[in-house]
Amino acid sequence: EARPGHSATTFAIALLRAECEFLVGHLDLAEQQLLGLSQICSDLQSGADVTRLRAQLYTAAGQYDRAIDVSVAFLRHVGIDWFPYPSREQVDAERLRLRSLSKNLSDDQLDALPPMTDPGQRATMAVLADLIIPASYVDRDLSDAVLLAATRVTIEHGISPESCFALTTTFGVLA
């Protein structure tokens, strides 16, 4: 669904154009187009798509703080209220939250997690997955919080392709 005057097809084409500009190295033009698209996102998925491409653009340009800021703003929009640089206490709270959620799950139950089907949760998970790279360059606490949150979202809502990295690395964060 798109806002009046902006069809879903027009939005999709504009997003693809911005991605093409990014891929051919026209970062300033891609950023300008993405900023415009961010103002007309009509749903969570389109917002996630624009956020992810902006974060990827900023990460590729070495602007990790900007990639983090864009991603964290999206996550706040979906109820994950973080600061770009969480304290160790905030990370510990996320760690305890995950441990509490998973303490009664067997390995078989974890292996049998259903697919993540909710579009909003899939969009959130995709943004979390893309946030891992810039977070790992900038702040260990943020990187740990992202991995823990992505694992928690997976346990709560099911597994998706974007869950894989978080699931394989979270045990290092839980130790």
N, C-alpha and C. Protein backbone atom coordinates (compact mmCIF):
# COMPACT_ATOMS: atom_id res chain seq x y z
N GLU A 1 0.85 -1.18 0.00
CA GLU A 1 0.00 0.00 0.00
C GLU A 1 0.89 1.24 0.00
N ALA A 2 0.55 2.20 -0.78
CA ALA A 2 1.36 3.42 -0.87
C ALA A 2 0.51 4.63 -0.50
N ARG A 3 1.16 5.71 -0.20
CA ARG A 3 0.44 6.94 0.09
C ARG A 3 -0.18 7.49 -1.18
N PRO A 4 -1.22 8.33 -1.03
CA PRO A 4 -1.83 8.93 -2.21
C PRO A 4 -0.77 9.62 -3.08
N GLY A 5 -0.85 9.37 -4.37
CA GLY A 5 0.10 9.97 -5.29
C GLY A 5 1.36 9.14 -5.49
N HIS A 6 1.51 8.07 -4.70
CA HIS A 6 2.69 7.22 -4.79
C HIS A 6 2.23 5.76 -4.80
N SER A 7 2.19 5.15 -5.97
CA SER A 7 1.79 3.76 -6.04
C SER A 7 2.91 2.86 -5.53
N ALA A 8 2.54 1.65 -5.17
CA ALA A 8 3.54 0.69 -4.72
C ALA A 8 4.55 0.41 -5.82
N THR A 9 4.08 0.37 -7.05
CA THR A 9 4.98 0.11 -8.18
C THR A 9 5.96 1.27 -8.36
N THR A 10 5.48 2.49 -8.27
CA THR A 10 6.35 3.66 -8.39
C THR A 10 7.40 3.66 -7.29
N PHE A 11 6.99 3.32 -6.07
CA PHE A 11 7.92 3.25 -4.95
C PHE A 11 8.98 2.18 -5.21
N ALA A 12 8.54 1.00 -5.64
CA ALA A 12 9.47 -0.11 -5.89
C ALA A 12 10.49 0.26 -6.97
N ILE A 13 10.04 0.92 -8.01
CA ILE A 13 10.95 1.34 -9.08
C ILE A 13 11.95 2.37 -8.56
N ALA A 14 11.47 3.31 -7.77
CA ALA A 14 12.36 4.32 -7.20
C ALA A 14 13.39 3.69 -6.26
N LEU A 15 12.97 2.69 -5.50
CA LEU A 15 13.90 2.01 -4.62
C LEU A 15 14.96 1.25 -5.42
N LEU A 16 14.54 0.59 -6.48
CA LEU A 16 15.49 -0.11 -7.35
C LEU A 16 16.46 0.86 -8.01
N ARG A 17 15.96 2.01 -8.39
CA ARG A 17 16.84 3.03 -9.00
C ARG A 17 17.89 3.49 -7.99
N ALA A 18 17.46 3.73 -6.76
CA ALA A 18 18.40 4.14 -5.72
C ALA A 18 19.44 3.04 -5.48
N GLU A 19 19.00 1.80 -5.49
CA GLU A 19 19.93 0.70 -5.30
C GLU A 19 20.94 0.64 -6.46
N CYS A 20 20.47 0.83 -7.66
CA CYS A 20 21.37 0.85 -8.82
C CYS A 20 22.40 1.97 -8.70
N GLU A 21 21.94 3.16 -8.29
CA GLU A 21 22.87 4.28 -8.12
C GLU A 21 23.93 3.92 -7.08
N PHE A 22 23.51 3.28 -6.01
CA PHE A 22 24.43 2.86 -4.96
C PHE A 22 25.43 1.85 -5.51
N LEU A 23 24.94 0.87 -6.24
CA LEU A 23 25.80 -0.20 -6.75
C LEU A 23 26.82 0.28 -7.79
N VAL A 24 26.48 1.33 -8.52
CA VAL A 24 27.45 1.85 -9.50
C VAL A 24 28.33 2.95 -8.90
N GLY A 25 28.17 3.20 -7.61
CA GLY A 25 29.07 4.12 -6.93
C GLY A 25 28.62 5.57 -6.86
N HIS A 26 27.40 5.84 -7.25
CA HIS A 26 26.87 7.20 -7.15
C HIS A 26 26.21 7.36 -5.77
N LEU A 27 27.04 7.37 -4.74
CA LEU A 27 26.53 7.34 -3.37
C LEU A 27 25.72 8.57 -3.00
N ASP A 28 26.16 9.74 -3.44
CA ASP A 28 25.41 10.96 -3.10
C ASP A 28 24.02 10.95 -3.72
N LEU A 29 23.93 10.53 -4.96
CA LEU A 29 22.64 10.46 -5.64
C LEU A 29 21.75 9.39 -5.00
N ALA A 30 22.33 8.24 -4.69
CA ALA A 30 21.57 7.18 -4.04
C ALA A 30 21.05 7.65 -2.68
N GLU A 31 21.91 8.31 -1.92
CA GLU A 31 21.48 8.81 -0.61
C GLU A 31 20.34 9.81 -0.75
N GLN A 32 20.45 10.72 -1.69
CA GLN A 32 19.39 11.71 -1.92
C GLN A 32 18.07 11.02 -2.25
N GLN A 33 18.12 10.03 -3.12
CA GLN A 33 16.91 9.31 -3.50
C GLN A 33 16.33 8.55 -2.31
N LEU A 34 17.20 7.93 -1.52
CA LEU A 34 16.73 7.17 -0.36
C LEU A 34 16.14 8.08 0.72
N LEU A 35 16.72 9.25 0.89
CA LEU A 35 16.14 10.20 1.85
C LEU A 35 14.73 10.60 1.43
N GLY A 36 14.55 10.82 0.13
CA GLY A 36 13.21 11.13 -0.37
C GLY A 36 12.25 9.97 -0.16
N LEU A 37 12.71 8.77 -0.43
CA LEU A 37 11.86 7.59 -0.25
C LEU A 37 11.51 7.37 1.22
N SER A 38 12.43 7.70 2.10
CA SER A 38 12.16 7.51 3.53
C SER A 38 10.99 8.36 4.01
N GLN A 39 10.69 9.42 3.29
CA GLN A 39 9.59 10.31 3.67
C GLN A 39 8.24 9.80 3.19
N ILE A 40 8.23 8.82 2.28
CA ILE A 40 6.95 8.37 1.72
C ILE A 40 6.69 6.88 1.95
N CYS A 41 7.45 6.25 2.85
CA CYS A 41 7.22 4.84 3.15
C CYS A 41 5.82 4.68 3.75
N SER A 42 5.08 3.75 3.19
CA SER A 42 3.69 3.59 3.62
C SER A 42 3.48 2.44 4.57
N ASP A 43 4.46 1.58 4.70
CA ASP A 43 4.30 0.43 5.59
C ASP A 43 5.64 0.02 6.16
N LEU A 44 5.60 -0.94 7.06
CA LEU A 44 6.80 -1.37 7.74
C LEU A 44 7.83 -1.97 6.78
N GLN A 45 7.37 -2.76 5.82
CA GLN A 45 8.29 -3.40 4.88
C GLN A 45 9.02 -2.36 4.03
N SER A 46 8.30 -1.39 3.50
CA SER A 46 8.98 -0.38 2.69
C SER A 46 9.94 0.44 3.54
N GLY A 47 9.56 0.72 4.78
CA GLY A 47 10.47 1.42 5.69
C GLY A 47 11.73 0.62 5.96
N ALA A 48 11.56 -0.69 6.15
CA ALA A 48 12.72 -1.56 6.37
C ALA A 48 13.61 -1.61 5.14
N ASP A 49 12.99 -1.69 3.96
CA ASP A 49 13.78 -1.75 2.73
C ASP A 49 14.63 -0.50 2.54
N VAL A 50 14.04 0.65 2.79
CA VAL A 50 14.78 1.91 2.66
C VAL A 50 15.85 2.00 3.74
N THR A 51 15.51 1.62 4.96
CA THR A 51 16.47 1.66 6.06
C THR A 51 17.66 0.76 5.76
N ARG A 52 17.39 -0.45 5.30
CA ARG A 52 18.48 -1.40 5.01
C ARG A 52 19.40 -0.87 3.93
N LEU A 53 18.83 -0.31 2.88
CA LEU A 53 19.68 0.19 1.79
C LEU A 53 20.48 1.41 2.24
N ARG A 54 19.86 2.27 3.03
CA ARG A 54 20.61 3.41 3.57
C ARG A 54 21.75 2.93 4.46
N ALA A 55 21.46 1.97 5.34
CA ALA A 55 22.50 1.45 6.23
C ALA A 55 23.62 0.78 5.44
N GLN A 56 23.27 0.05 4.40
CA GLN A 56 24.29 -0.58 3.56
C GLN A 56 25.14 0.47 2.86
N LEU A 57 24.50 1.51 2.38
CA LEU A 57 25.22 2.60 1.72
C LEU A 57 26.21 3.24 2.69
N TYR A 58 25.73 3.58 3.89
CA TYR A 58 26.60 4.23 4.88
C TYR A 58 27.73 3.28 5.32
N THR A 59 27.42 2.00 5.45
CA THR A 59 28.45 1.03 5.83
C THR A 59 29.52 0.95 4.74
N ALA A 60 29.09 0.86 3.49
CA ALA A 60 30.04 0.80 2.37
C ALA A 60 30.91 2.05 2.31
N ALA A 61 30.36 3.18 2.71
CA ALA A 61 31.10 4.44 2.69
C ALA A 61 31.94 4.63 3.96
N GLY A 62 31.90 3.66 4.86
CA GLY A 62 32.66 3.77 6.10
C GLY A 62 32.04 4.72 7.11
N GLN A 63 30.78 5.07 6.91
CA GLN A 63 30.05 5.96 7.81
C GLN A 63 29.21 5.12 8.78
N TYR A 64 29.90 4.37 9.62
CA TYR A 64 29.24 3.39 10.48
C TYR A 64 28.25 4.02 11.45
N ASP A 65 28.59 5.19 11.99
CA ASP A 65 27.68 5.86 12.92
C ASP A 65 26.35 6.19 12.25
N ARG A 66 26.41 6.63 11.00
CA ARG A 66 25.18 6.94 10.28
C ARG A 66 24.39 5.68 10.00
N ALA A 67 25.06 4.58 9.66
CA ALA A 67 24.37 3.31 9.44
C ALA A 67 23.66 2.87 10.72
N ILE A 68 24.34 3.03 11.83
CA ILE A 68 23.76 2.67 13.13
C ILE A 68 22.57 3.56 13.45
N ASP A 69 22.72 4.87 13.27
CA ASP A 69 21.63 5.80 13.57
C ASP A 69 20.37 5.49 12.77
N VAL A 70 20.52 5.22 11.49
CA VAL A 70 19.37 4.91 10.63
C VAL A 70 18.69 3.63 11.10
N SER A 71 19.49 2.62 11.41
CA SER A 71 18.93 1.34 11.84
C SER A 71 18.25 1.45 13.20
N VAL A 72 18.89 2.13 14.13
CA VAL A 72 18.32 2.29 15.46
C VAL A 72 17.02 3.08 15.40
N ALA A 73 16.94 4.08 14.53
CA ALA A 73 15.69 4.84 14.38
C ALA A 73 14.57 3.91 13.90
N PHE A 74 14.86 3.04 12.94
CA PHE A 74 13.84 2.09 12.49
C PHE A 74 13.42 1.17 13.64
N LEU A 75 14.40 0.64 14.37
CA LEU A 75 14.09 -0.29 15.46
C LEU A 75 13.26 0.39 16.54
N ARG A 76 13.51 1.64 16.83
CA ARG A 76 12.65 2.36 17.78
C ARG A 76 11.22 2.42 17.29
N HIS A 77 11.07 2.57 15.98
CA HIS A 77 9.74 2.63 15.36
C HIS A 77 8.96 1.32 15.58
N VAL A 78 9.67 0.21 15.71
CA VAL A 78 9.00 -1.08 15.91
C VAL A 78 9.05 -1.54 17.36
N GLY A 79 9.45 -0.65 18.27
CA GLY A 79 9.38 -0.96 19.69
C GLY A 79 10.66 -1.48 20.32
N ILE A 80 11.76 -1.51 19.58
CA ILE A 80 13.05 -1.88 20.16
C ILE A 80 13.77 -0.57 20.45
N ASP A 81 13.65 -0.12 21.69
CA ASP A 81 14.10 1.22 22.06
C ASP A 81 15.54 1.18 22.57
N TRP A 82 16.46 1.42 21.66
CA TRP A 82 17.88 1.41 21.97
C TRP A 82 18.47 2.77 21.76
N PHE A 83 19.60 2.93 22.40
CA PHE A 83 20.47 4.05 22.11
C PHE A 83 21.58 3.48 21.22
N PRO A 84 22.17 4.29 20.36
CA PRO A 84 23.23 3.77 19.50
C PRO A 84 24.39 3.15 20.28
N TYR A 85 24.61 3.59 21.49
CA TYR A 85 25.70 3.05 22.28
C TYR A 85 25.16 2.62 23.64
N PRO A 86 24.65 1.40 23.72
CA PRO A 86 24.07 0.93 24.98
C PRO A 86 25.15 0.72 26.04
N SER A 87 24.73 0.81 27.27
CA SER A 87 25.66 0.54 28.37
C SER A 87 25.79 -0.97 28.55
N ARG A 88 26.81 -1.37 29.28
CA ARG A 88 26.99 -2.79 29.58
C ARG A 88 25.78 -3.31 30.36
N GLU A 89 25.18 -2.46 31.20
CA GLU A 89 24.00 -2.87 31.96
C GLU A 89 22.82 -3.15 31.03
N GLN A 90 22.66 -2.35 29.99
CA GLN A 90 21.59 -2.58 29.02
C GLN A 90 21.82 -3.89 28.26
N VAL A 91 23.05 -4.18 27.93
CA VAL A 91 23.38 -5.44 27.26
C VAL A 91 23.12 -6.61 28.20
N ASP A 92 23.49 -6.45 29.46
CA ASP A 92 23.24 -7.51 30.44
C ASP A 92 21.74 -7.76 30.60
N ALA A 93 20.94 -6.71 30.54
CA ALA A 93 19.48 -6.87 30.63
C ALA A 93 18.96 -7.65 29.42
N GLU A 94 19.49 -7.37 28.24
CA GLU A 94 19.10 -8.11 27.03
C GLU A 94 19.56 -9.57 27.14
N ARG A 95 20.73 -9.79 27.71
CA ARG A 95 21.26 -11.14 27.92
C ARG A 95 20.33 -11.92 28.87
N LEU A 96 19.93 -11.29 29.96
CA LEU A 96 19.03 -11.94 30.91
C LEU A 96 17.66 -12.22 30.29
N ARG A 97 17.20 -11.30 29.49
CA ARG A 97 15.91 -11.48 28.80
C ARG A 97 15.96 -12.70 27.88
N LEU A 98 17.04 -12.86 27.15
CA LEU A 98 17.19 -14.01 26.26
C LEU A 98 17.33 -15.30 27.06
N ARG A 99 18.13 -15.27 28.11
CA ARG A 99 18.28 -16.48 28.95
C ARG A 99 16.94 -16.89 29.54
N SER A 100 16.17 -15.93 30.02
CA SER A 100 14.87 -16.24 30.60
C SER A 100 13.93 -16.86 29.56
N LEU A 101 13.96 -16.33 28.37
CA LEU A 101 13.11 -16.82 27.29
C LEU A 101 13.49 -18.23 26.86
N SER A 102 14.77 -18.53 26.86
CA SER A 102 15.24 -19.80 26.31
C SER A 102 15.52 -20.88 27.35
N LYS A 103 15.41 -20.57 28.63
CA LYS A 103 15.85 -21.51 29.66
C LYS A 103 15.08 -22.83 29.64
N ASN A 104 13.84 -22.85 29.20
CA ASN A 104 13.06 -24.07 29.19
C ASN A 104 12.97 -24.72 27.82
N LEU A 105 13.74 -24.23 26.87
CA LEU A 105 13.72 -24.80 25.52
C LEU A 105 14.80 -25.86 25.37
N SER A 106 14.41 -27.00 24.85
CA SER A 106 15.38 -28.06 24.59
C SER A 106 16.06 -27.80 23.24
N ASP A 107 17.14 -28.53 23.00
CA ASP A 107 17.81 -28.43 21.70
C ASP A 107 16.85 -28.81 20.58
N ASP A 108 16.02 -29.82 20.82
CA ASP A 108 15.05 -30.24 19.80
C ASP A 108 14.04 -29.14 19.50
N GLN A 109 13.60 -28.43 20.53
CA GLN A 109 12.67 -27.32 20.32
C GLN A 109 13.33 -26.19 19.54
N LEU A 110 14.58 -25.91 19.85
CA LEU A 110 15.30 -24.86 19.12
C LEU A 110 15.50 -25.28 17.66
N ASP A 111 15.80 -26.56 17.44
CA ASP A 111 15.98 -27.06 16.07
C ASP A 111 14.68 -27.02 15.28
N ALA A 112 13.56 -27.05 15.98
CA ALA A 112 12.26 -27.11 15.31
C ALA A 112 11.54 -25.77 15.29
N LEU A 113 12.27 -24.68 15.44
CA LEU A 113 11.62 -23.37 15.39
C LEU A 113 10.89 -23.23 14.05
N PRO A 114 9.69 -22.69 14.08
CA PRO A 114 8.95 -22.54 12.83
C PRO A 114 9.53 -21.40 11.99
N PRO A 115 9.18 -21.34 10.73
CA PRO A 115 9.63 -20.21 9.91
C PRO A 115 8.99 -18.91 10.41
N MET A 116 9.71 -17.84 10.30
CA MET A 116 9.19 -16.52 10.65
C MET A 116 8.28 -16.09 9.49
N THR A 117 7.00 -15.93 9.77
CA THR A 117 6.06 -15.62 8.70
C THR A 117 5.50 -14.20 8.79
N ASP A 118 5.54 -13.59 9.97
CA ASP A 118 5.00 -12.25 10.12
C ASP A 118 5.87 -11.25 9.36
N PRO A 119 5.28 -10.52 8.40
CA PRO A 119 6.08 -9.58 7.60
C PRO A 119 6.78 -8.51 8.43
N GLY A 120 6.14 -8.03 9.47
CA GLY A 120 6.76 -7.01 10.32
C GLY A 120 7.97 -7.55 11.06
N GLN A 121 7.87 -8.76 11.56
CA GLN A 121 8.99 -9.38 12.26
C GLN A 121 10.13 -9.69 11.28
N ARG A 122 9.78 -10.13 10.08
CA ARG A 122 10.82 -10.40 9.07
C ARG A 122 11.55 -9.11 8.70
N ALA A 123 10.80 -8.02 8.57
CA ALA A 123 11.42 -6.72 8.26
C ALA A 123 12.35 -6.29 9.39
N THR A 124 11.89 -6.46 10.62
CA THR A 124 12.71 -6.12 11.79
C THR A 124 13.97 -6.96 11.83
N MET A 125 13.82 -8.25 11.57
CA MET A 125 14.97 -9.14 11.60
C MET A 125 15.98 -8.77 10.52
N ALA A 126 15.50 -8.37 9.36
CA ALA A 126 16.41 -7.97 8.28
C ALA A 126 17.22 -6.73 8.68
N VAL A 127 16.57 -5.77 9.32
CA VAL A 127 17.29 -4.56 9.78
C VAL A 127 18.30 -4.94 10.86
N LEU A 128 17.90 -5.82 11.79
CA LEU A 128 18.85 -6.27 12.82
C LEU A 128 20.07 -6.95 12.18
N ALA A 129 19.82 -7.80 11.20
CA ALA A 129 20.91 -8.52 10.54
C ALA A 129 21.87 -7.55 9.86
N ASP A 130 21.33 -6.53 9.22
CA ASP A 130 22.19 -5.55 8.55
C ASP A 130 22.93 -4.64 9.53
N LEU A 131 22.41 -4.53 10.73
CA LEU A 131 23.04 -3.68 11.75
C LEU A 131 24.27 -4.35 12.36
N ILE A 132 24.38 -5.66 12.24
CA ILE A 132 25.48 -6.38 12.88
C ILE A 132 26.84 -5.87 12.41
N ILE A 133 27.00 -5.66 11.11
CA ILE A 133 28.31 -5.27 10.59
C ILE A 133 28.76 -3.89 11.09
N PRO A 134 27.96 -2.83 10.89
CA PRO A 134 28.46 -1.54 11.40
C PRO A 134 28.61 -1.53 12.92
N ALA A 135 27.73 -2.23 13.62
CA ALA A 135 27.84 -2.28 15.08
C ALA A 135 29.15 -2.94 15.50
N SER A 136 29.55 -3.97 14.79
CA SER A 136 30.78 -4.67 15.16
C SER A 136 32.02 -3.81 14.94
N TYR A 137 31.93 -2.85 14.03
CA TYR A 137 33.06 -1.95 13.80
C TYR A 137 33.15 -0.84 14.83
N VAL A 138 32.03 -0.52 15.46
CA VAL A 138 31.97 0.70 16.27
C VAL A 138 31.89 0.45 17.77
N ASP A 139 31.06 -0.52 18.20
CA ASP A 139 30.80 -0.62 19.63
C ASP A 139 30.47 -2.06 20.01
N ARG A 140 31.30 -2.65 20.85
CA ARG A 140 31.10 -4.06 21.25
C ARG A 140 29.76 -4.26 21.96
N ASP A 141 29.37 -3.32 22.81
CA ASP A 141 28.10 -3.46 23.52
C ASP A 141 26.93 -3.45 22.54
N LEU A 142 26.97 -2.57 21.56
CA LEU A 142 25.90 -2.54 20.56
C LEU A 142 25.90 -3.83 19.75
N SER A 143 27.05 -4.30 19.35
CA SER A 143 27.15 -5.54 18.59
C SER A 143 26.56 -6.69 19.39
N ASP A 144 26.90 -6.78 20.67
CA ASP A 144 26.34 -7.83 21.52
C ASP A 144 24.82 -7.69 21.64
N ALA A 145 24.35 -6.47 21.84
CA ALA A 145 22.90 -6.24 21.97
C ALA A 145 22.16 -6.64 20.71
N VAL A 146 22.73 -6.34 19.55
CA VAL A 146 22.09 -6.70 18.28
C VAL A 146 22.00 -8.21 18.14
N LEU A 147 23.09 -8.91 18.43
CA LEU A 147 23.07 -10.37 18.33
C LEU A 147 22.07 -10.99 19.29
N LEU A 148 22.02 -10.48 20.51
CA LEU A 148 21.08 -10.99 21.50
C LEU A 148 19.63 -10.72 21.08
N ALA A 149 19.37 -9.51 20.60
CA ALA A 149 18.01 -9.17 20.18
C ALA A 149 17.57 -9.99 18.97
N ALA A 150 18.48 -10.18 18.02
CA ALA A 150 18.14 -10.97 16.83
C ALA A 150 17.82 -12.41 17.23
N THR A 151 18.56 -12.94 18.17
CA THR A 151 18.29 -14.30 18.64
C THR A 151 16.96 -14.35 19.37
N ARG A 152 16.68 -13.35 20.19
CA ARG A 152 15.41 -13.31 20.91
C ARG A 152 14.24 -13.23 19.94
N VAL A 153 14.33 -12.36 18.94
CA VAL A 153 13.26 -12.24 17.94
C VAL A 153 13.05 -13.57 17.23
N THR A 154 14.13 -14.27 16.95
CA THR A 154 14.03 -15.58 16.30
C THR A 154 13.29 -16.58 17.18
N ILE A 155 13.64 -16.63 18.45
CA ILE A 155 12.98 -17.57 19.36
C ILE A 155 11.50 -17.21 19.51
N GLU A 156 11.20 -15.93 19.59
CA GLU A 156 9.82 -15.49 19.79
C GLU A 156 8.96 -15.63 18.54
N HIS A 157 9.55 -15.44 17.35
CA HIS A 157 8.73 -15.32 16.14
C HIS A 157 9.09 -16.29 15.03
N GLY A 158 10.12 -17.10 15.21
CA GLY A 158 10.49 -18.08 14.20
C GLY A 158 11.79 -17.73 13.51
N ILE A 159 12.25 -18.67 12.73
CA ILE A 159 13.55 -18.54 12.08
C ILE A 159 13.40 -17.97 10.67
N SER A 160 14.39 -17.21 10.27
CA SER A 160 14.44 -16.65 8.92
C SER A 160 15.87 -16.75 8.43
N PRO A 161 16.11 -16.56 7.15
CA PRO A 161 17.49 -16.59 6.67
C PRO A 161 18.39 -15.58 7.40
N GLU A 162 17.83 -14.46 7.81
CA GLU A 162 18.62 -13.43 8.49
C GLU A 162 18.98 -13.83 9.92
N SER A 163 18.38 -14.89 10.44
CA SER A 163 18.65 -15.35 11.80
C SER A 163 19.98 -16.08 11.94
N CYS A 164 20.47 -16.62 10.85
CA CYS A 164 21.59 -17.57 10.90
C CYS A 164 22.83 -17.04 11.62
N PHE A 165 23.31 -15.88 11.23
CA PHE A 165 24.55 -15.37 11.82
C PHE A 165 24.36 -15.14 13.32
N ALA A 166 23.26 -14.53 13.69
CA ALA A 166 23.01 -14.27 15.12
C ALA A 166 22.96 -15.57 15.91
N LEU A 167 22.27 -16.57 15.37
CA LEU A 167 22.16 -17.83 16.09
C LEU A 167 23.50 -18.54 16.26
N THR A 168 24.37 -18.39 15.29
CA THR A 168 25.66 -19.07 15.38
C THR A 168 26.67 -18.32 16.24
N THR A 169 26.45 -17.06 16.50
CA THR A 169 27.43 -16.29 17.27
C THR A 169 26.96 -15.87 18.66
N THR A 170 25.68 -16.03 18.95
CA THR A 170 25.14 -15.55 20.22
C THR A 170 25.75 -16.27 21.42
N PHE A 171 26.13 -17.52 21.26
CA PHE A 171 26.67 -18.25 22.40
C PHE A 171 27.94 -17.59 22.93
N GLY A 172 28.72 -16.96 22.06
CA GLY A 172 29.89 -16.22 22.50
C GLY A 172 29.53 -14.99 23.31
N VAL A 173 28.37 -14.44 23.05
CA VAL A 173 27.89 -13.26 23.77
C VAL A 173 27.27 -13.67 25.11
N LEU A 174 26.68 -14.85 25.15
CA LEU A 174 26.04 -15.32 26.39
C LEU A 174 27.04 -15.75 27.45
N ALA A 175 28.24 -16.09 27.04
CA ALA A 175 29.24 -16.60 27.99
C ALA A 175 29.63 -15.59 29.02
